[in-house]
Protein backbone atom coordinates (compact mmCIF):
# COMPACT_ATOMS: atom_id res chain seq x y z
CA MET A 1 19.10 -18.10 4.44
CA LYS A 2 19.00 -14.33 3.99
CA LEU A 3 18.02 -12.11 6.91
CA VAL A 4 16.54 -8.60 6.57
CA TRP A 5 17.11 -6.46 9.66
CA LEU A 6 14.32 -3.88 9.83
CA ARG A 7 14.85 -0.65 11.80
CA ASN A 8 13.30 2.70 10.85
CA ASP A 9 12.11 1.25 7.53
CA LEU A 10 8.94 -0.57 8.54
CA ARG A 11 7.41 -1.08 5.11
CA LEU A 12 7.18 -3.54 2.24
CA ALA A 13 7.22 -1.05 -0.64
CA ASP A 14 10.37 0.87 -1.57
CA ASN A 15 12.47 -1.00 0.97
CA PRO A 16 15.86 -1.58 -0.71
CA ALA A 17 17.10 -4.02 1.94
CA LEU A 18 13.97 -6.17 1.68
CA ARG A 19 13.88 -5.98 -2.11
CA HIS A 20 17.53 -7.04 -2.50
CA ALA A 21 17.18 -9.84 0.04
CA CYS A 22 14.20 -11.22 -1.86
CA ALA A 23 16.12 -11.40 -5.13
CA GLY A 24 16.77 -15.05 -5.95
CA ASP A 25 15.32 -18.24 -4.55
CA GLU A 26 17.01 -18.48 -1.16
CA PRO A 27 14.78 -18.47 1.92
CA VAL A 28 14.30 -15.03 3.51
CA ALA A 29 13.49 -14.07 7.09
CA ALA A 30 13.13 -10.67 8.71
CA LEU A 31 14.18 -9.33 12.10
CA PHE A 32 13.19 -6.46 14.38
CA ILE A 33 15.11 -5.75 17.58
CA VAL A 34 13.37 -4.18 20.57
CA SER A 35 15.86 -2.24 22.74
CA PRO A 36 13.89 -0.68 25.62
CA THR A 37 16.90 0.47 27.66
CA GLN A 38 18.62 2.01 24.64
CA TRP A 39 15.42 3.70 23.55
CA ARG A 40 15.04 5.28 26.97
CA GLN A 41 18.65 6.46 26.87
CA HIS A 42 17.89 8.07 23.51
CA LYS A 43 14.81 9.75 25.03
CA MET A 44 12.47 7.97 22.62
CA ALA A 45 8.90 8.98 23.42
CA PRO A 46 6.63 6.20 24.69
CA ILE A 47 4.05 7.19 22.07
CA ARG A 48 6.66 6.72 19.36
CA GLN A 49 7.70 3.33 20.76
CA ARG A 50 4.10 2.12 20.75
CA PHE A 51 3.43 3.53 17.29
CA MET A 52 6.54 1.80 15.96
CA LEU A 53 5.66 -1.54 17.57
CA ALA A 54 2.08 -1.32 16.32
CA GLN A 55 3.57 -0.95 12.84
CA VAL A 56 5.90 -3.90 13.50
CA ASP A 57 2.79 -5.94 14.31
CA GLU A 58 1.13 -4.84 11.08
CA LEU A 59 4.26 -5.50 9.05
CA GLY A 60 4.80 -8.91 10.68
CA ARG A 61 1.32 -9.93 9.61
CA GLU A 62 1.97 -8.76 6.04
CA LEU A 63 5.35 -10.50 5.87
CA ALA A 64 3.81 -13.72 7.16
CA ALA A 65 1.24 -13.54 4.34
CA LEU A 66 4.19 -13.46 1.92
CA GLY A 67 5.81 -16.47 3.55
CA ILE A 68 8.51 -14.40 5.28
CA PRO A 69 8.80 -14.97 9.05
CA LEU A 70 9.58 -11.98 11.26
CA HIS A 71 11.81 -12.72 14.24
CA LEU A 72 11.67 -10.46 17.28
CA LEU A 73 14.60 -10.05 19.65
CA ARG A 74 14.62 -8.09 22.87
CA VAL A 75 18.15 -6.76 23.32
CA GLU A 76 18.37 -4.02 25.95
CA THR A 77 21.26 -1.96 24.54
CA PHE A 78 23.11 -1.60 21.26
CA ALA A 79 26.26 -3.03 22.86
CA GLU A 80 24.50 -6.39 23.17
CA VAL A 81 23.21 -6.49 19.59
CA PRO A 82 26.27 -8.01 17.81
CA ALA A 83 26.35 -11.11 20.02
CA ALA A 84 22.58 -11.55 19.93
CA LEU A 85 22.45 -11.16 16.15
CA ALA A 86 25.38 -13.53 15.67
CA GLY A 87 23.54 -16.11 17.76
CA LEU A 88 20.37 -15.76 15.70
CA CYS A 89 22.36 -16.12 12.47
CA ARG A 90 23.97 -19.33 13.73
CA GLU A 91 20.62 -20.70 14.85
CA GLN A 92 18.86 -19.90 11.57
CA GLY A 93 21.72 -20.68 9.20
CA VAL A 94 21.95 -17.12 7.91
CA THR A 95 24.64 -16.46 5.31
CA GLN A 96 23.70 -12.87 4.31
CA LEU A 97 22.36 -9.92 6.27
CA TYR A 98 20.57 -7.03 4.56
CA ALA A 99 19.72 -3.70 6.21
CA ASN A 100 19.16 -0.08 5.27
CA GLN A 101 21.88 2.23 6.57
CA ALA A 102 21.45 4.07 9.86
CA ILE A 103 22.55 7.70 10.02
CA GLU A 104 22.99 8.29 13.78
CA ILE A 105 26.44 7.77 15.32
CA ASP A 106 25.42 5.21 17.97
CA GLU A 107 23.54 3.22 15.38
CA GLN A 108 26.46 3.40 12.93
CA ARG A 109 28.85 2.13 15.61
CA ARG A 110 26.43 -0.70 16.40
CA ASP A 111 26.27 -1.65 12.73
CA HIS A 112 30.08 -1.64 12.37
CA ALA A 113 30.29 -3.96 15.37
CA VAL A 114 27.65 -6.23 13.81
CA SER A 115 29.62 -6.39 10.55
CA ALA A 116 32.75 -7.39 12.45
CA ALA A 117 30.95 -10.03 14.54
CA LEU A 118 29.21 -11.60 11.55
CA ALA A 119 32.37 -11.59 9.44
CA GLU A 120 33.80 -14.12 11.91
CA GLN A 121 30.92 -16.43 10.93
CA ALA A 122 31.33 -15.76 7.19
CA VAL A 123 28.02 -13.87 7.12
CA SER A 124 28.20 -11.06 4.57
CA CYS A 125 26.49 -7.74 5.40
CA HIS A 126 24.81 -5.54 2.79
CA TRP A 127 23.98 -1.95 3.82
CA LEU A 128 21.71 0.03 1.50
CA ASN A 129 20.24 3.53 1.34
CA GLY A 130 16.64 3.42 2.44
CA CYS A 131 16.34 6.65 4.45
CA CYS A 132 17.06 9.35 1.87
CA VAL A 133 16.16 10.06 -1.73
CA LEU A 134 19.85 10.62 -2.51
CA PRO A 135 22.44 8.89 -0.31
CA PRO A 136 24.38 11.05 2.17
CA GLY A 137 27.63 12.13 0.56
CA ARG A 138 26.12 12.38 -2.92
CA VAL A 139 25.33 16.11 -2.72
CA LEU A 140 28.56 18.01 -2.05
CA THR A 141 30.13 21.35 -2.93
CA GLY A 142 32.60 21.70 -5.77
CA SER A 143 35.42 21.19 -3.27
CA GLY A 144 33.88 17.95 -2.03
CA GLU A 145 32.51 19.26 1.26
CA MET A 146 29.03 19.16 2.75
CA PHE A 147 26.93 22.26 2.15
CA LYS A 148 26.55 24.36 5.28
CA VAL A 149 23.71 26.50 3.90
CA PHE A 150 20.42 25.04 2.77
CA THR A 151 19.57 26.93 -0.43
CA PRO A 152 22.66 25.89 -2.43
CA PHE A 153 22.20 22.35 -1.09
CA SER A 154 18.62 22.39 -2.37
CA ARG A 155 19.74 23.50 -5.83
CA ALA A 156 22.49 20.88 -5.96
CA TRP A 157 20.10 18.20 -4.69
CA LEU A 158 17.59 18.97 -7.43
CA LYS A 159 20.34 18.93 -10.06
CA ALA A 160 21.66 15.57 -8.82
CA LEU A 161 18.16 14.12 -8.82
CA ASP A 162 17.59 15.30 -12.40
CA GLU A 163 20.86 13.67 -13.44
CA GLU A 164 20.39 10.37 -11.63
CA GLY A 165 16.68 9.91 -11.13
CA PHE A 166 15.56 7.36 -8.57
CA VAL A 167 13.85 4.00 -8.38
CA ILE A 168 10.82 3.00 -6.31
CA HIS A 169 11.29 -0.62 -5.24
CA ARG A 170 8.17 -2.75 -5.50
CA ALA A 171 6.99 -4.76 -2.53
CA PRO A 172 8.21 -8.36 -2.75
CA ALA A 173 6.01 -11.05 -4.25
CA PRO A 174 4.85 -13.98 -2.10
CA ARG A 175 7.70 -16.43 -1.63
CA ASP A 176 5.94 -19.38 -0.02
CA GLU A 177 2.84 -20.46 1.80
CA SER A 178 1.54 -17.91 4.30
CA LEU A 179 2.73 -18.27 7.87
CA PRO A 180 1.04 -17.72 11.24
CA TRP A 181 1.71 -14.46 13.10
CA GLN A 182 1.37 -13.98 16.83
CA PRO A 183 0.21 -10.40 17.53
CA LEU A 184 2.52 -8.34 19.70
CA VAL A 185 -0.24 -7.63 22.16
CA GLU A 186 -0.15 -11.33 23.04
CA ARG A 187 3.55 -11.23 23.89
CA ALA A 188 3.94 -10.54 27.59
CA TRP A 189 7.52 -9.29 27.28
CA VAL A 190 6.36 -6.37 25.12
CA ASP A 191 4.02 -5.10 27.83
CA GLU A 192 6.68 -5.68 30.47
CA ALA A 193 9.21 -3.64 28.49
CA LEU A 194 7.00 -0.85 27.20
CA GLY A 195 3.69 -0.88 29.01
CA GLU A 196 0.36 -1.75 27.46
CA LEU A 197 0.57 -1.74 23.68
CA THR A 198 -2.66 0.05 22.80
CA PRO A 199 -3.14 1.76 19.41
CA ASP A 200 -3.67 5.50 19.44
CA PRO A 201 -6.75 6.32 17.32
CA ARG A 202 -5.13 9.56 16.19
CA TRP A 203 -2.24 7.64 14.61
CA LEU A 204 -3.37 4.59 12.64
CA VAL A 205 -0.50 2.44 11.39
CA GLY A 206 0.01 0.73 8.04
CA GLU A 207 1.36 1.60 4.63
CA ALA A 208 -2.18 2.01 3.32
CA GLU A 209 -2.85 4.69 5.96
CA ALA A 210 0.37 6.52 5.07
CA ARG A 211 -0.51 6.44 1.36
CA ARG A 212 -4.05 7.64 2.13
CA ARG A 213 -2.70 10.62 4.05
CA LEU A 214 -0.23 11.41 1.28
CA ASN A 215 -2.84 11.17 -1.47
CA ASP A 216 -5.38 13.24 0.47
CA PHE A 217 -2.77 15.95 1.02
CA LEU A 218 -1.72 15.97 -2.63
CA GLU A 219 -5.33 16.15 -3.82
CA GLN A 220 -6.60 18.70 -1.31
CA ALA A 221 -3.80 20.86 0.07
CA VAL A 222 -0.46 20.72 -1.75
CA LEU A 223 -1.26 23.53 -4.20
CA ASP A 224 -2.11 25.88 -1.32
CA TYR A 225 0.64 24.58 0.97
CA GLY A 226 2.80 27.70 0.65
CA GLU A 227 -0.07 29.86 1.92
CA THR A 228 -1.55 27.57 4.58
CA ARG A 229 1.36 25.62 6.06
CA ASP A 230 2.09 28.13 8.86
CA PHE A 231 -1.41 28.21 10.34
CA PRO A 232 -1.90 25.50 12.99
CA ALA A 233 -5.69 25.85 13.06
CA ILE A 234 -5.83 24.93 9.34
CA ALA A 235 -5.33 21.40 8.01
CA GLY A 236 -2.69 22.65 5.60
CA THR A 237 0.15 20.17 6.14
CA SER A 238 0.58 16.50 5.23
CA VAL A 239 1.05 15.27 8.85
CA LEU A 240 3.24 12.52 7.38
CA SER A 241 6.18 13.05 9.73
CA PRO A 242 5.38 10.08 12.05
CA TYR A 243 5.16 7.80 9.02
CA LEU A 244 8.42 9.07 7.58
CA ALA A 245 10.18 8.78 10.95
CA ALA A 246 9.12 5.14 11.34
CA GLY A 247 9.78 4.40 7.69
CA ILE A 248 6.17 3.41 6.97
CA ILE A 249 6.50 5.53 3.84
CA SER A 250 9.72 6.60 2.15
CA PRO A 251 10.77 10.06 0.98
CA ARG A 252 11.17 8.64 -2.52
CA GLN A 253 7.52 7.61 -2.50
CA CYS A 254 6.58 11.15 -1.49
CA VAL A 255 8.60 12.73 -4.31
CA ALA A 256 7.22 10.24 -6.84
CA ALA A 257 3.63 10.86 -5.74
CA LEU A 258 4.13 14.63 -5.98
CA GLN A 259 5.50 14.27 -9.52
CA GLN A 260 2.57 12.07 -10.51
CA ARG A 261 0.07 14.54 -9.06
CA LEU A 262 1.60 17.55 -10.82
CA GLY A 263 2.90 15.92 -13.98
CA TYR A 264 6.35 17.37 -13.36
CA ARG A 265 8.96 17.83 -10.64
CA PRO A 266 8.89 21.46 -9.45
CA GLN A 267 12.21 23.27 -9.61
CA SER A 268 11.54 26.72 -8.15
CA LYS A 269 9.22 28.64 -5.84
CA ALA A 270 7.31 29.88 -8.86
CA GLN A 271 5.98 26.37 -9.50
CA PRO A 272 3.11 24.84 -7.48
CA GLY A 273 4.24 22.06 -5.20
CA PHE A 274 7.79 23.32 -4.80
CA VAL A 275 7.34 24.59 -1.24
CA TRP A 276 6.39 21.09 -0.02
CA LEU A 277 9.15 19.45 -2.05
CA ASN A 278 11.57 21.89 -0.45
CA GLU A 279 10.44 20.69 2.98
CA LEU A 280 11.40 17.15 1.94
CA ILE A 281 14.77 18.53 0.83
CA TRP A 282 15.19 20.15 4.28
CA ARG A 283 14.71 16.66 5.72
CA GLU A 284 17.42 15.38 3.38
CA PHE A 285 19.73 18.28 4.33
CA TYR A 286 19.58 17.50 8.05
CA ARG A 287 20.08 13.78 7.45
CA HIS A 288 23.08 14.33 5.20
CA LEU A 289 24.56 16.67 7.81
CA LEU A 290 24.14 14.10 10.57
CA VAL A 291 26.10 11.50 8.59
CA LEU A 292 28.88 13.80 7.45
CA ILE A 293 29.24 15.70 10.75
CA PRO A 294 28.98 12.98 13.46
CA THR A 295 29.43 15.48 16.32
CA LEU A 296 25.82 16.56 15.70
CA SER A 297 24.84 13.20 17.23
CA MET A 298 27.00 13.98 20.26
CA ASN A 299 25.18 17.03 21.66
CA ARG A 300 27.63 19.43 20.00
CA PRO A 301 26.60 22.59 18.14
CA PHE A 302 27.14 22.88 14.40
CA LYS A 303 28.92 26.20 15.03
CA PRO A 304 31.72 25.27 17.47
CA GLU A 305 32.08 28.80 18.84
CA THR A 306 28.52 28.71 20.20
CA ALA A 307 29.50 25.96 22.65
CA ASP A 308 30.60 28.80 24.94
CA LEU A 309 27.24 30.56 25.06
CA PRO A 310 26.29 31.34 28.69
CA TRP A 311 22.99 29.44 28.74
CA SER A 312 21.05 29.74 31.97
CA TRP A 313 19.40 26.94 33.92
CA ASP A 314 16.19 27.59 35.77
CA PRO A 315 14.30 24.35 36.50
CA ASP A 316 11.10 26.20 37.38
CA ALA A 317 11.16 28.16 34.12
CA PHE A 318 11.89 25.00 32.15
CA ALA A 319 9.00 23.19 33.84
CA ALA A 320 6.64 26.08 33.04
CA TRP A 321 7.68 25.87 29.38
CA CYS A 322 7.26 22.09 29.31
CA GLU A 323 3.81 22.24 30.86
CA GLY A 324 2.49 25.23 28.90
CA ARG A 325 2.39 27.73 31.77
CA THR A 326 4.47 30.59 30.32
CA GLY A 327 1.70 33.19 30.11
CA TYR A 328 2.20 33.44 26.31
CA PRO A 329 -0.91 31.83 24.79
CA ILE A 330 0.57 30.52 21.53
CA VAL A 331 3.51 28.95 23.38
CA ASP A 332 1.28 27.36 25.99
CA ALA A 333 -1.18 26.04 23.42
CA ALA A 334 1.63 24.48 21.41
CA MET A 335 3.19 22.75 24.41
CA ARG A 336 -0.14 21.44 25.70
CA CYS A 337 -0.92 20.09 22.24
CA LEU A 338 2.46 18.30 22.18
CA ASN A 339 1.92 16.79 25.62
CA ALA A 340 -1.57 15.58 24.74
CA THR A 341 -1.06 14.30 21.18
CA GLY A 342 2.66 13.64 20.66
CA TRP A 343 2.75 15.99 17.68
CA MET A 344 3.31 19.68 17.05
CA HIS A 345 2.83 21.84 13.96
CA ASN A 346 6.16 22.96 12.47
CA ARG A 347 5.51 26.71 12.85
CA LEU A 348 4.77 26.09 16.53
CA ARG A 349 8.00 24.11 16.92
CA MET A 350 9.90 27.19 15.79
CA ILE A 351 7.95 29.49 18.10
CA VAL A 352 8.40 27.41 21.25
CA ALA A 353 12.05 26.67 20.48
CA SER A 354 12.78 30.36 20.04
CA PHE A 355 10.97 31.10 23.30
CA LEU A 356 12.99 28.56 25.28
CA THR A 357 16.36 29.63 23.89
CA LYS A 358 15.89 33.36 23.20
CA ASP A 359 13.36 34.37 25.88
CA LEU A 360 14.28 31.99 28.70
CA HIS A 361 17.91 31.57 27.55
CA ILE A 362 17.80 27.86 28.37
CA HIS A 363 20.07 25.49 26.45
CA TRP A 364 18.62 24.10 23.23
CA ARG A 365 19.73 20.59 24.23
CA LEU A 366 17.11 20.53 26.99
CA GLY A 367 14.39 21.44 24.52
CA GLU A 368 15.70 18.92 22.01
CA ASP A 369 15.58 16.15 24.62
CA TYR A 370 12.10 17.15 25.77
CA PHE A 371 10.77 17.05 22.23
CA MET A 372 12.29 13.61 21.68
CA SER A 373 10.66 12.40 24.89
CA ARG A 374 7.21 13.48 23.66
CA LEU A 375 7.13 13.43 19.84
CA ILE A 376 5.61 10.57 17.89
CA ASP A 377 7.76 11.70 14.95
CA GLY A 378 10.94 12.12 16.98
CA ASP A 379 13.85 11.98 14.54
CA LEU A 380 17.35 12.95 15.64
CA ALA A 381 18.37 14.65 12.40
CA ALA A 382 15.24 16.79 11.98
CA ASN A 383 14.85 17.51 15.69
CA ASN A 384 18.47 18.48 16.22
CA GLY A 385 18.52 20.52 13.02
CA GLY A 386 15.37 22.41 13.97
CA TRP A 387 16.49 23.15 17.50
CA GLN A 388 19.92 24.37 16.44
CA TRP A 389 18.33 26.49 13.73
CA ALA A 390 16.07 28.17 16.29
CA ALA A 391 18.86 28.58 18.84
CA GLY A 392 21.24 30.17 16.33
CA THR A 393 23.88 27.45 16.72
CA GLY A 394 23.15 25.31 13.66
CA ALA A 395 23.57 25.02 9.92
CA ASP A 396 21.77 27.75 8.00
CA ALA A 397 20.56 29.06 11.35
CA ALA A 398 18.61 32.25 11.54
CA PRO A 399 20.88 35.18 12.46
CA TYR A 400 21.27 35.36 16.22
CA PHE A 401 19.56 38.73 16.32
CA ARG A 402 16.40 37.23 14.81
CA VAL A 403 14.25 36.47 17.84
CA PHE A 404 10.64 35.40 17.41
CA ASN A 405 8.16 37.58 19.27
CA PRO A 406 5.67 35.02 20.65
CA THR A 407 2.81 37.53 20.75
CA THR A 408 3.14 38.72 17.16
CA GLN A 409 3.75 35.16 15.98
CA GLY A 410 0.43 34.17 17.54
CA GLN A 411 -1.34 37.18 16.06
CA ARG A 412 0.04 36.39 12.60
CA PHE A 413 -0.46 32.63 12.48
CA ASP A 414 -3.49 32.11 14.74
CA PRO A 415 -5.22 35.46 14.20
CA GLN A 416 -8.63 34.48 15.63
CA GLY A 417 -7.10 32.37 18.40
CA GLU A 418 -8.79 29.16 17.23
CA PHE A 419 -5.77 27.00 18.00
CA ILE A 420 -5.14 28.76 21.30
CA ARG A 421 -8.71 28.29 22.51
CA THR A 422 -8.56 24.60 21.64
CA TRP A 423 -5.63 23.91 23.95
CA VAL A 424 -5.63 26.69 26.54
CA THR A 425 -9.05 26.01 28.00
CA GLU A 426 -8.77 28.93 30.43
CA LEU A 427 -9.05 31.19 27.38
CA ALA A 428 -11.87 29.32 25.65
CA ASP A 429 -14.35 32.17 26.19
CA ILE A 430 -12.04 35.13 25.61
CA PRO A 431 -12.84 37.50 22.71
CA ALA A 432 -10.52 37.26 19.71
CA ALA A 433 -9.34 40.82 20.26
CA TYR A 434 -7.74 39.80 23.57
CA VAL A 435 -6.72 36.20 22.99
CA HIS A 436 -3.03 36.92 22.33
CA GLN A 437 -2.66 39.36 25.24
CA PRO A 438 -5.39 38.20 27.61
CA HIS A 439 -4.13 39.47 30.93
CA ASP A 440 -5.88 42.86 31.09
CA TRP A 441 -9.20 41.27 30.08
CA LEU A 442 -8.78 38.54 32.69
CA ARG A 443 -8.03 41.10 35.39
CA LEU A 444 -11.16 43.05 34.50
CA LYS A 445 -13.13 39.84 34.93
CA GLY A 446 -11.45 39.16 38.26
CA ARG A 447 -9.90 35.96 36.98
CA ARG A 448 -6.53 34.52 37.91
CA ASP A 449 -6.76 31.14 36.20
CA TYR A 450 -4.12 31.90 33.56
CA PRO A 451 -0.54 32.89 34.47
CA ALA A 452 1.01 36.28 33.80
CA PRO A 453 3.84 36.37 31.23
CA MET A 454 6.88 34.80 32.89
CA VAL A 455 9.30 37.15 31.10
CA ASP A 456 9.22 40.51 29.39
CA HIS A 457 9.94 39.62 25.77
CA ALA A 458 11.56 42.96 24.93
CA VAL A 459 14.02 42.62 27.81
CA ALA A 460 14.68 38.92 27.09
CA ARG A 461 15.37 39.68 23.43
CA VAL A 462 18.08 42.18 24.32
CA ARG A 463 19.68 39.65 26.67
CA ALA A 464 19.67 36.98 23.94
CA ILE A 465 21.42 39.29 21.51
CA GLU A 466 23.99 40.21 24.15
CA MET A 467 24.71 36.49 24.73
CA PHE A 468 25.71 36.00 21.12
CA ARG A 469 27.56 39.30 20.81
CA SER A 470 29.69 38.28 23.78
CA LEU A 471 31.18 35.53 21.59
CA GLU A 472 32.61 38.16 19.26
CA LYS A 473 34.72 39.79 21.95
């Protein structure tokens, strides 16, 4: 018996672990492990947990149709996984385990412990690359080190891809008679662990849904992506991040679909489609970094010297940021959107991260954790990379003296205030001329239903620059 351990790779197509396990005539089973306590320790958002389990339900049904049973284990923490998995292997007569590699340090340690435990039972473990187009460690500098700046990494990544190409693994063929599948919503222990498992209509699961979103984006928006991607009121992005984070679609499938749409693989900014491809390469960059620099999974900054930055801690200010009560409309709209939907536009992620770290001078780790606790697409590599970029502590980070002005960012990327009015209902009736600086207009109307700016941006900017300059002394 071969066992496929599914994690953040909840798909049939282009799943190397599943494809390799299904080679040959031996019986195959699949496994998903629910770890509620560990997920809470990792700040995994409830909306992400439910989205992931809804996809597990969908995938279990599809596997059953292929004659592959999906086993579910509830194991509270990673420390308990080796023993639980060894027990399942003994019970089912498993001789080989297949899984796609994890990139986070806790997950890697768990997998090493699993390998050791199963070796005692003569169960061989096969770990494959299912999370990146090119495996971490493949794209290195001439001296064999990981790139610390994105642009040369992007060039080297494209060169390596041209040299090696890549393969899209087909979904496995049916192996036996179809099997019954008990929906997760009928399993009481799921509700007990995670609360009621109700689908969110904004986020339909399934590989077909992920492909539909990808194809719609490629047909309707990819050619204009460079011009529209920064405007949150415009449907200019793919909104595929939840599906990539859960592994419902793979980055290889995205690159292949882009090539098919264009008829070529773009190589430079001058070519249509390159800006979106470059965003996929950013995803690869952060994932490669996480594997090759494990301290990034341990709450440490990429730039060691920035560990001494004198971050402040003001619980009231942090709460105002979390709840969208800062008095800066674009920041508040972004945070309220996150809290309501579990998703945030990438330009807004940069704006609110800069505001927390450079205007409120609050540690990026608090913002990183809050995002993980709310995002449906919460992904350690991308989330950590983005927060450290904004805070000035990370790889290829913006220079510390680059501080986003939340007012001008709003004026530039939501010029008519459409996005702001959608989420900051107190400003729904305000004229566009005042939407980014509404306070004088509100005072004239005798209204106090929207807070005054909690900080003076000009003063806060100077303080942020001084924080970083103090490290040079």
